PDB file of N, CA and C in Angstrom:
ATOM      1  N   MET A   1     116.229  39.559-195.798  1.00  0.00           N
ATOM      2  CA  MET A   1     117.128  39.003-196.786  1.00  0.00           C
ATOM      3  C   MET A   1     117.294  37.526-196.529  1.00  0.00           C
ATOM      4  N   LYS A   2     117.134  36.748-197.554  1.00  0.00           N
ATOM      5  CA  LYS A   2     117.342  35.309-197.443  1.00  0.00           C
ATOM      6  C   LYS A   2     118.740  34.986-197.922  1.00  0.00           C
ATOM      7  N   VAL A   3     119.492  34.236-197.141  1.00  0.00           N
ATOM      8  CA  VAL A   3     120.827  33.818-197.539  1.00  0.00           C
ATOM      9  C   VAL A   3     120.789  32.317-197.735  1.00  0.00           C
ATOM     10  N   PHE A   4     121.009  31.903-198.958  1.00  0.00           N
ATOM     11  CA  PHE A   4     121.030  30.483-199.272  1.00  0.00           C
ATOM     12  C   PHE A   4     122.435  30.098-199.642  1.00  0.00           C
ATOM     13  N   LEU A   5     122.956  29.067-199.017  1.00  0.00           N
ATOM     14  CA  LEU A   5     124.288  28.573-199.331  1.00  0.00           C
ATOM     15  C   LEU A   5     124.151  27.314-200.166  1.00  0.00           C
ATOM     16  N   SER A   6     124.799  27.321-201.293  1.00  0.00           N
ATOM     17  CA  SER A   6     124.754  26.114-202.113  1.00  0.00           C
ATOM     18  C   SER A   6     125.780  25.126-201.587  1.00  0.00           C
ATOM     19  N   LYS A   7     125.527  23.869-201.834  1.00  0.00           N
ATOM     20  CA  LYS A   7     126.463  22.832-201.429  1.00  0.00           C
ATOM     21  C   LYS A   7     127.692  22.933-202.308  1.00  0.00           C
ATOM     22  N   MET A   8     128.850  23.106-201.677  1.00  0.00           N
ATOM     23  CA  MET A   8     130.078  23.228-202.444  1.00  0.00           C
ATOM     24  C   MET A   8     130.733  21.861-202.565  1.00  0.00           C
ATOM     25  N   SER A   9     131.154  21.535-203.773  1.00  0.00           N
ATOM     26  CA  SER A   9     131.824  20.265-204.001  1.00  0.00           C
ATOM     27  C   SER A   9     133.297  20.445-203.690  1.00  0.00           C
ATOM     28  N   LEU A  10     133.870  19.493-202.984  1.00  0.00           N
ATOM     29  CA  LEU A  10     135.278  19.566-202.640  1.00  0.00           C
ATOM     30  C   LEU A  10     136.166  19.065-203.776  1.00  0.00           C
ATOM     31  N   ARG A  11     135.605  18.356-204.730  1.00  0.00           N
ATOM     32  CA  ARG A  11     136.362  17.806-205.849  1.00  0.00           C
ATOM     33  C   ARG A  11     135.697  18.216-207.147  1.00  0.00           C
ATOM     34  N   SER A  12     136.510  18.369-208.186  1.00  0.00           N
ATOM     35  CA  SER A  12     135.929  18.680-209.487  1.00  0.00           C
ATOM     36  C   SER A  12     135.281  17.426-210.050  1.00  0.00           C
ATOM     37  N   SER A  13     134.426  17.591-211.040  1.00  0.00           N
ATOM     38  CA  SER A  13     133.699  16.446-211.587  1.00  0.00           C
ATOM     39  C   SER A  13     134.629  15.449-212.246  1.00  0.00           C
ATOM     40  N   GLU A  14     135.704  15.914-212.878  1.00  0.00           N
ATOM     41  CA  GLU A  14     136.597  14.962-213.519  1.00  0.00           C
ATOM     42  C   GLU A  14     137.400  14.167-212.495  1.00  0.00           C
ATOM     43  N   GLN A  15     137.645  14.723-211.320  1.00  0.00           N
ATOM     44  CA  GLN A  15     138.339  13.972-210.282  1.00  0.00           C
ATOM     45  C   GLN A  15     137.432  12.912-209.674  1.00  0.00           C
ATOM     46  N   THR A  16     136.168  13.202-209.525  1.00  0.00           N
ATOM     47  CA  THR A  16     135.257  12.253-208.899  1.00  0.00           C
ATOM     48  C   THR A  16     134.893  11.109-209.822  1.00  0.00           C
ATOM     49  N   ASP A  17     135.042  11.307-211.153  1.00  0.00           N
ATOM     50  CA  ASP A  17     134.730  10.234-212.096  1.00  0.00           C
ATOM     51  C   ASP A  17     135.678   9.058-211.943  1.00  0.00           C
ATOM     52  N   ASN A  18     136.915   9.333-211.565  1.00  0.00           N
ATOM     53  CA  ASN A  18     137.918   8.285-211.460  1.00  0.00           C
ATOM     54  C   ASN A  18     137.980   7.637-210.084  1.00  0.00           C
ATOM     55  N   LEU A  19     137.286   8.192-209.117  1.00  0.00           N
ATOM     56  CA  LEU A  19     137.332   7.668-207.760  1.00  0.00           C
ATOM     57  C   LEU A  19     136.087   6.850-207.463  1.00  0.00           C
ATOM     58  N   PRO A  20     136.227   5.793-206.656  1.00  0.00           N
ATOM     59  CA  PRO A  20     135.036   5.049-206.266  1.00  0.00           C
ATOM     60  C   PRO A  20     134.134   5.929-205.408  1.00  0.00           C
ATOM     61  N   GLN A  21     132.851   5.690-205.487  1.00  0.00           N
ATOM     62  CA  GLN A  21     131.899   6.474-204.708  1.00  0.00           C
ATOM     63  C   GLN A  21     131.981   6.052-203.243  1.00  0.00           C
ATOM     64  N   GLU A  22     132.620   6.894-202.433  1.00  0.00           N
ATOM     65  CA  GLU A  22     132.772   6.618-201.006  1.00  0.00           C
ATOM     66  C   GLU A  22     132.026   7.681-200.219  1.00  0.00           C
ATOM     67  N   GLU A  23     131.585   7.285-199.062  1.00  0.00           N
ATOM     68  CA  GLU A  23     130.992   8.254-198.169  1.00  0.00           C
ATOM     69  C   GLU A  23     132.118   9.093-197.580  1.00  0.00           C
ATOM     70  N   PRO A  24     131.922  10.410-197.508  1.00  0.00           N
ATOM     71  CA  PRO A  24     132.986  11.240-196.944  1.00  0.00           C
ATOM     72  C   PRO A  24     133.254  10.878-195.482  1.00  0.00           C
ATOM     73  N   THR A  25     134.499  10.951-195.120  1.00  0.00           N
ATOM     74  CA  THR A  25     134.844  10.659-193.737  1.00  0.00           C
ATOM     75  C   THR A  25     134.346  11.783-192.850  1.00  0.00           C
ATOM     76  N   ARG A  26     134.327  11.528-191.571  1.00  0.00           N
ATOM     77  CA  ARG A  26     133.836  12.535-190.617  1.00  0.00           C
ATOM     78  C   ARG A  26     134.665  13.804-190.707  1.00  0.00           C
ATOM     79  N   LYS A  27     135.977  13.667-190.874  1.00  0.00           N
ATOM     80  CA  LYS A  27     136.851  14.828-190.950  1.00  0.00           C
ATOM     81  C   LYS A  27     136.566  15.655-192.209  1.00  0.00           C
ATOM     82  N   GLU A  28     136.366  14.991-193.344  1.00  0.00           N
ATOM     83  CA  GLU A  28     136.050  15.699-194.588  1.00  0.00           C
ATOM     84  C   GLU A  28     134.703  16.408-194.487  1.00  0.00           C
ATOM     85  N   GLU A  29     133.729  15.721-193.904  1.00  0.00           N
ATOM     86  CA  GLU A  29     132.398  16.306-193.746  1.00  0.00           C
ATOM     87  C   GLU A  29     132.456  17.533-192.827  1.00  0.00           C
ATOM     88  N   LEU A  30     133.188  17.432-191.737  1.00  0.00           N
ATOM     89  CA  LEU A  30     133.322  18.547-190.809  1.00  0.00           C
ATOM     90  C   LEU A  30     134.051  19.716-191.470  1.00  0.00           C
ATOM     91  N   ASN A  31     135.058  19.424-192.277  1.00  0.00           N
ATOM     92  CA  ASN A  31     135.791  20.460-192.993  1.00  0.00           C
ATOM     93  C   ASN A  31     134.863  21.195-193.967  1.00  0.00           C
ATOM     94  N   ARG A  32     133.984  20.471-194.651  1.00  0.00           N
ATOM     95  CA  ARG A  32     133.025  21.070-195.577  1.00  0.00           C
ATOM     96  C   ARG A  32     132.057  21.983-194.821  1.00  0.00           C
ATOM     97  N   LYS A  33     131.590  21.516-193.664  1.00  0.00           N
ATOM     98  CA  LYS A  33     130.664  22.324-192.867  1.00  0.00           C
ATOM     99  C   LYS A  33     131.339  23.578-192.329  1.00  0.00           C
ATOM    100  N   ILE A  34     132.619  23.473-191.975  1.00  0.00           N
ATOM    101  CA  ILE A  34     133.372  24.634-191.495  1.00  0.00           C
ATOM    102  C   ILE A  34     133.473  25.685-192.597  1.00  0.00           C
ATOM    103  N   LYS A  35     133.741  25.241-193.817  1.00  0.00           N
ATOM    104  CA  LYS A  35     133.816  26.181-194.941  1.00  0.00           C
ATOM    105  C   LYS A  35     132.477  26.876-195.166  1.00  0.00           C
ATOM    106  N   GLU A  36     131.392  26.132-195.101  1.00  0.00           N
ATOM    107  CA  GLU A  36     130.064  26.716-195.265  1.00  0.00           C
ATOM    108  C   GLU A  36     129.772  27.720-194.154  1.00  0.00           C
ATOM    109  N   GLN A  37     130.157  27.383-192.927  1.00  0.00           N
ATOM    110  CA  GLN A  37     129.897  28.267-191.789  1.00  0.00           C
ATOM    111  C   GLN A  37     130.717  29.550-191.913  1.00  0.00           C
ATOM    112  N   LYS A  38     131.951  29.448-192.421  1.00  0.00           N
ATOM    113  CA  LYS A  38     132.776  30.638-192.632  1.00  0.00           C
ATOM    114  C   LYS A  38     132.116  31.578-193.636  1.00  0.00           C
ATOM    115  N   VAL A  39     131.554  31.010-194.701  1.00  0.00           N
ATOM    116  CA  VAL A  39     130.864  31.832-195.697  1.00  0.00           C
ATOM    117  C   VAL A  39     129.675  32.538-195.057  1.00  0.00           C
ATOM    118  N   LEU A  40     128.917  31.802-194.247  1.00  0.00           N
ATOM    119  CA  LEU A  40     127.758  32.398-193.575  1.00  0.00           C
ATOM    120  C   LEU A  40     128.174  33.547-192.667  1.00  0.00           C
ATOM    121  N   VAL A  41     129.213  33.355-191.872  1.00  0.00           N
ATOM    122  CA  VAL A  41     129.692  34.407-190.958  1.00  0.00           C
ATOM    123  C   VAL A  41     130.158  35.619-191.759  1.00  0.00           C
ATOM    124  N   ASP A  42     130.887  35.390-192.852  1.00  0.00           N
ATOM    125  CA  ASP A  42     131.349  36.510-193.680  1.00  0.00           C
ATOM    126  C   ASP A  42     130.179  37.266-194.303  1.00  0.00           C
ATOM    127  N   GLU A  43     129.187  36.525-194.799  1.00  0.00           N
ATOM    128  CA  GLU A  43     128.012  37.172-195.395  1.00  0.00           C
ATOM    129  C   GLU A  43     127.273  38.021-194.360  1.00  0.00           C
ATOM    130  N   LEU A  44     127.083  37.475-193.178  1.00  0.00           N
ATOM    131  CA  LEU A  44     126.389  38.223-192.124  1.00  0.00           C
ATOM    132  C   LEU A  44     127.196  39.437-191.669  1.00  0.00           C
ATOM    133  N   SER A  45     128.513  39.295-191.626  1.00  0.00           N
ATOM    134  CA  SER A  45     129.375  40.391-191.182  1.00  0.00           C
ATOM    135  C   SER A  45     129.361  41.564-192.156  1.00  0.00           C
ATOM    136  N   ASN A  46     129.169  41.272-193.430  1.00  0.00           N
ATOM    137  CA  ASN A  46     129.255  42.317-194.450  1.00  0.00           C
ATOM    138  C   ASN A  46     127.909  42.900-194.867  1.00  0.00           C
ATOM    139  N   LEU A  47     126.836  42.511-194.196  1.00  0.00           N
ATOM    140  CA  LEU A  47     125.526  43.063-194.522  1.00  0.00           C
ATOM    141  C   LEU A  47     125.415  44.513-194.050  1.00  0.00           C
ATOM    142  N   LYS A  48     124.688  45.317-194.820  1.00  0.00           N
ATOM    143  CA  LYS A  48     124.404  46.678-194.382  1.00  0.00           C
ATOM    144  C   LYS A  48     123.495  46.622-193.165  1.00  0.00           C
ATOM    145  N   LYS A  49     123.541  47.663-192.356  1.00  0.00           N
ATOM    146  CA  LYS A  49     122.742  47.689-191.128  1.00  0.00           C
ATOM    147  C   LYS A  49     121.243  47.639-191.398  1.00  0.00           C
ATOM    148  N   SER A  50     120.838  48.146-192.542  1.00  0.00           N
ATOM    149  CA  SER A  50     119.408  48.198-192.850  1.00  0.00           C
ATOM    150  C   SER A  50     118.860  46.869-193.382  1.00  0.00           C
ATOM    151  N   ARG A  51     119.731  45.915-193.688  1.00  0.00           N
ATOM    152  CA  ARG A  51     119.273  44.642-194.250  1.00  0.00           C
ATOM    153  C   ARG A  51     118.632  43.777-193.171  1.00  0.00           C
ATOM    154  N   LYS A  52     117.670  42.981-193.582  1.00  0.00           N
ATOM    155  CA  LYS A  52     116.975  42.084-192.659  1.00  0.00           C
ATOM    156  C   LYS A  52     117.488  40.667-192.837  1.00  0.00           C
ATOM    157  N   VAL A  53     117.461  39.921-191.746  1.00  0.00           N
ATOM    158  CA  VAL A  53     117.919  38.535-191.755  1.00  0.00           C
ATOM    159  C   VAL A  53     116.754  37.646-191.338  1.00  0.00           C
ATOM    160  N   TYR A  54     116.573  36.568-192.064  1.00  0.00           N
ATOM    161  CA  TYR A  54     115.513  35.609-191.766  1.00  0.00           C
ATOM    162  C   TYR A  54     116.132  34.261-191.446  1.00  0.00           C
ATOM    163  N   VAL A  55     115.533  33.568-190.500  1.00  0.00           N
ATOM    164  CA  VAL A  55     116.010  32.254-190.093  1.00  0.00           C
ATOM    165  C   VAL A  55     114.955  31.228-190.468  1.00  0.00           C
ATOM    166  N   GLN A  56     115.405  30.139-191.092  1.00  0.00           N
ATOM    167  CA  GLN A  56     114.485  29.080-191.484  1.00  0.00           C
ATOM    168  C   GLN A  56     114.229  28.159-190.305  1.00  0.00           C
ATOM    169  N   GLN A  57     112.985  27.825-190.112  1.00  0.00           N
ATOM    170  CA  GLN A  57     112.616  26.895-189.054  1.00  0.00           C
ATOM    171  C   GLN A  57     113.013  25.478-189.466  1.00  0.00           C
ATOM    172  N   PRO A  58     113.503  24.683-188.527  1.00  0.00           N
ATOM    173  CA  PRO A  58     113.915  23.323-188.861  1.00  0.00           C
ATOM    174  C   PRO A  58     112.765  22.521-189.472  1.00  0.00           C
ATOM    175  N   ASN A  59     113.094  21.745-190.470  1.00  0.00           N
ATOM    176  CA  ASN A  59     112.150  20.840-191.134  1.00  0.00           C
ATOM    177  C   ASN A  59     110.932  21.547-191.709  1.00  0.00           C
ATOM    178  N   SER A  60     111.116  22.786-192.174  1.00  0.00           N
ATOM    179  CA  SER A  60     109.988  23.488-192.782  1.00  0.00           C
ATOM    180  C   SER A  60     110.514  24.519-193.771  1.00  0.00           C
ATOM    181  N   ASN A  61     109.605  25.089-194.520  1.00  0.00           N
ATOM    182  CA  ASN A  61     109.964  26.147-195.464  1.00  0.00           C
ATOM    183  C   ASN A  61     109.524  27.512-194.958  1.00  0.00           C
ATOM    184  N   ILE A  62     109.396  27.649-193.661  1.00  0.00           N
ATOM    185  CA  ILE A  62     108.936  28.898-193.053  1.00  0.00           C
ATOM    186  C   ILE A  62     110.149  29.662-192.519  1.00  0.00           C
ATOM    187  N   PHE A  63     110.199  30.972-192.835  1.00  0.00           N
ATOM    188  CA  PHE A  63     111.279  31.830-192.372  1.00  0.00           C
ATOM    189  C   PHE A  63     110.711  32.882-191.436  1.00  0.00           C
ATOM    190  N   PHE A  64     111.476  33.206-190.382  1.00  0.00           N
ATOM    191  CA  PHE A  64     111.077  34.241-189.439  1.00  0.00           C
ATOM    192  C   PHE A  64     112.163  35.304-189.357  1.00  0.00           C
ATOM    193  N   LEU A  65     111.733  36.553-189.189  1.00  0.00           N
ATOM    194  CA  LEU A  65     112.662  37.663-189.043  1.00  0.00           C
ATOM    195  C   LEU A  65     113.486  37.459-187.775  1.00  0.00           C
ATOM    196  N   ALA A  66     114.797  37.690-187.869  1.00  0.00           N
ATOM    197  CA  ALA A  66     115.684  37.485-186.723  1.00  0.00           C
ATOM    198  C   ALA A  66     116.609  38.688-186.570  1.00  0.00           C
ATOM    199  N   ASP A  67     117.195  38.808-185.397  1.00  0.00           N
ATOM    200  CA  ASP A  67     118.152  39.875-185.119  1.00  0.00           C
ATOM    201  C   ASP A  67     119.508  39.490-185.713  1.00  0.00           C
ATOM    202  N   LYS A  68     120.064  40.371-186.548  1.00  0.00           N
ATOM    203  CA  LYS A  68     121.328  40.077-187.227  1.00  0.00           C
ATOM    204  C   LYS A  68     122.465  39.823-186.234  1.00  0.00           C
ATOM    205  N   GLY A  69     122.554  40.620-185.179  1.00  0.00           N
ATOM    206  CA  GLY A  69     123.620  40.467-184.188  1.00  0.00           C
ATOM    207  C   GLY A  69     123.563  39.130-183.466  1.00  0.00           C
ATOM    208  N   THR A  70     122.347  38.710-183.124  1.00  0.00           N
ATOM    209  CA  THR A  70     122.168  37.430-182.439  1.00  0.00           C
ATOM    210  C   THR A  70     122.571  36.271-183.347  1.00  0.00           C
ATOM    211  N   ILE A  71     122.133  36.324-184.592  1.00  0.00           N
ATOM    212  CA  ILE A  71     122.452  35.260-185.540  1.00  0.00           C
ATOM    213  C   ILE A  71     123.947  35.231-185.823  1.00  0.00           C
ATOM    214  N   LEU A  72     124.567  36.392-185.947  1.00  0.00           N
ATOM    215  CA  LEU A  72     126.007  36.459-186.200  1.00  0.00           C
ATOM    216  C   LEU A  72     126.797  35.869-185.040  1.00  0.00           C
ATOM    217  N   SER A  73     126.435  36.222-183.823  1.00  0.00           N
ATOM    218  CA  SER A  73     127.172  35.694-182.664  1.00  0.00           C
ATOM    219  C   SER A  73     126.972  34.186-182.509  1.00  0.00           C
ATOM    220  N   SER A  74     125.761  33.694-182.756  1.00  0.00           N
ATOM    221  CA  SER A  74     125.543  32.250-182.651  1.00  0.00           C
ATOM    222  C   SER A  74     126.267  31.510-183.776  1.00  0.00           C
ATOM    223  N   SER A  75     126.357  32.125-184.956  1.00  0.00           N
ATOM    224  CA  SER A  75     127.074  31.506-186.068  1.00  0.00           C
ATOM    225  C   SER A  75     128.573  31.439-185.785  1.00  0.00           C
ATOM    226  N   LYS A  76     129.099  32.511-185.190  1.00  0.00           N
ATOM    227  CA  LYS A  76     130.521  32.515-184.814  1.00  0.00           C
ATOM    228  C   LYS A  76     130.800  31.452-183.749  1.00  0.00           C
ATOM    229  N   GLY A  77     129.887  31.333-182.781  1.00  0.00           N
ATOM    230  CA  GLY A  77     130.055  30.311-181.741  1.00  0.00           C
ATOM    231  C   GLY A  77     130.019  28.905-182.321  1.00  0.00           C
ATOM    232  N   GLU A  78     129.123  28.683-183.258  1.00  0.00           N
ATOM    233  CA  GLU A  78     129.035  27.371-183.895  1.00  0.00           C
ATOM    234  C   GLU A  78     130.292  27.087-184.711  1.00  0.00           C
ATOM    235  N   LEU A  79     130.835  28.108-185.391  1.00  0.00           N
ATOM    236  CA  LEU A  79     132.064  27.945-186.156  1.00  0.00           C
ATOM    237  C   LEU A  79     133.228  27.591-185.231  1.00  0.00           C
ATOM    238  N   ASP A  80     133.325  28.272-184.102  1.00  0.00           N
ATOM    239  CA  ASP A  80     134.386  27.971-183.131  1.00  0.00           C
ATOM    240  C   ASP A  80     134.270  26.542-182.615  1.00  0.00           C
ATOM    241  N   LYS A  81     133.046  26.101-182.359  1.00  0.00           N
ATOM    242  CA  LYS A  81     132.822  24.734-181.878  1.00  0.00           C
ATOM    243  C   LYS A  81     133.237  23.716-182.938  1.00  0.00           C
ATOM    244  N   MET A  82     132.892  23.992-184.193  1.00  0.00           N
ATOM    245  CA  MET A  82     133.274  23.088-185.280  1.00  0.00           C
ATOM    246  C   MET A  82     134.787  23.005-185.433  1.00  0.00           C
ATOM    247  N   LYS A  83     135.458  24.163-185.326  1.00  0.00           N
ATOM    248  CA  LYS A  83     136.923  24.176-185.440  1.00  0.00           C
ATOM    249  C   LYS A  83     137.555  23.367-184.316  1.00  0.00           C
ATOM    250  N   LYS A  84     137.009  23.487-183.118  1.00  0.00           N
ATOM    251  CA  LYS A  84     137.531  22.736-181.977  1.00  0.00           C
ATOM    252  C   LYS A  84     137.330  21.239-182.202  1.00  0.00           C
ATOM    253  N   ASP A  85     136.136  20.845-182.662  1.00  0.00           N
ATOM    254  CA  ASP A  85     135.873  19.443-182.965  1.00  0.00           C
ATOM    255  C   ASP A  85     136.808  18.914-184.041  1.00  0.00           C
ATOM    256  N   TYR A  86     137.095  19.741-185.042  1.00  0.00           N
ATOM    257  CA  TYR A  86     137.980  19.342-186.134  1.00  0.00           C
ATOM    258  C   TYR A  86     139.393  19.096-185.612  1.00  0.00           C
ATOM    259  N   GLN A  87     139.855  19.957-184.696  1.00  0.00           N
ATOM    260  CA  GLN A  87     141.191  19.788-184.124  1.00  0.00           C
ATOM    261  C   GLN A  87     141.265  18.546-183.239  1.00  0.00           C
ATOM    262  N   ASP A  88     140.151  18.187-182.617  1.00  0.00           N
ATOM    263  CA  ASP A  88     140.125  17.010-181.736  1.00  0.00           C
ATOM    264  C   ASP A  88     140.176  15.689-182.509  1.00  0.00           C
ATOM    265  N   ILE A  89     139.801  15.744-183.783  1.00  0.00           N
ATOM    266  CA  ILE A  89     139.788  14.503-184.590  1.00  0.00           C
ATOM    267  C   ILE A  89     141.197  14.097-184.935  1.00  0.00           C
TER     268      ILE A  89
END
């Protein structure tokens, strides 16, 4: 199973039309990544046992079969690390 997360916009289009185009601050960017990671953890947690999980290799379009439990635990660890970094800011 391939899980693709779309980039979620933090602001509606009408709100962004009135604001100058600024680069998101580190805190906003980290908050966006935390939300994406939460979705990934929830998706992995709710998969049926028979479903397969594939991991994309960095800088390529190649996917390899992976162990769901391993990916879930590493995703949870990454989420915890992001939350800690967010609190430190």
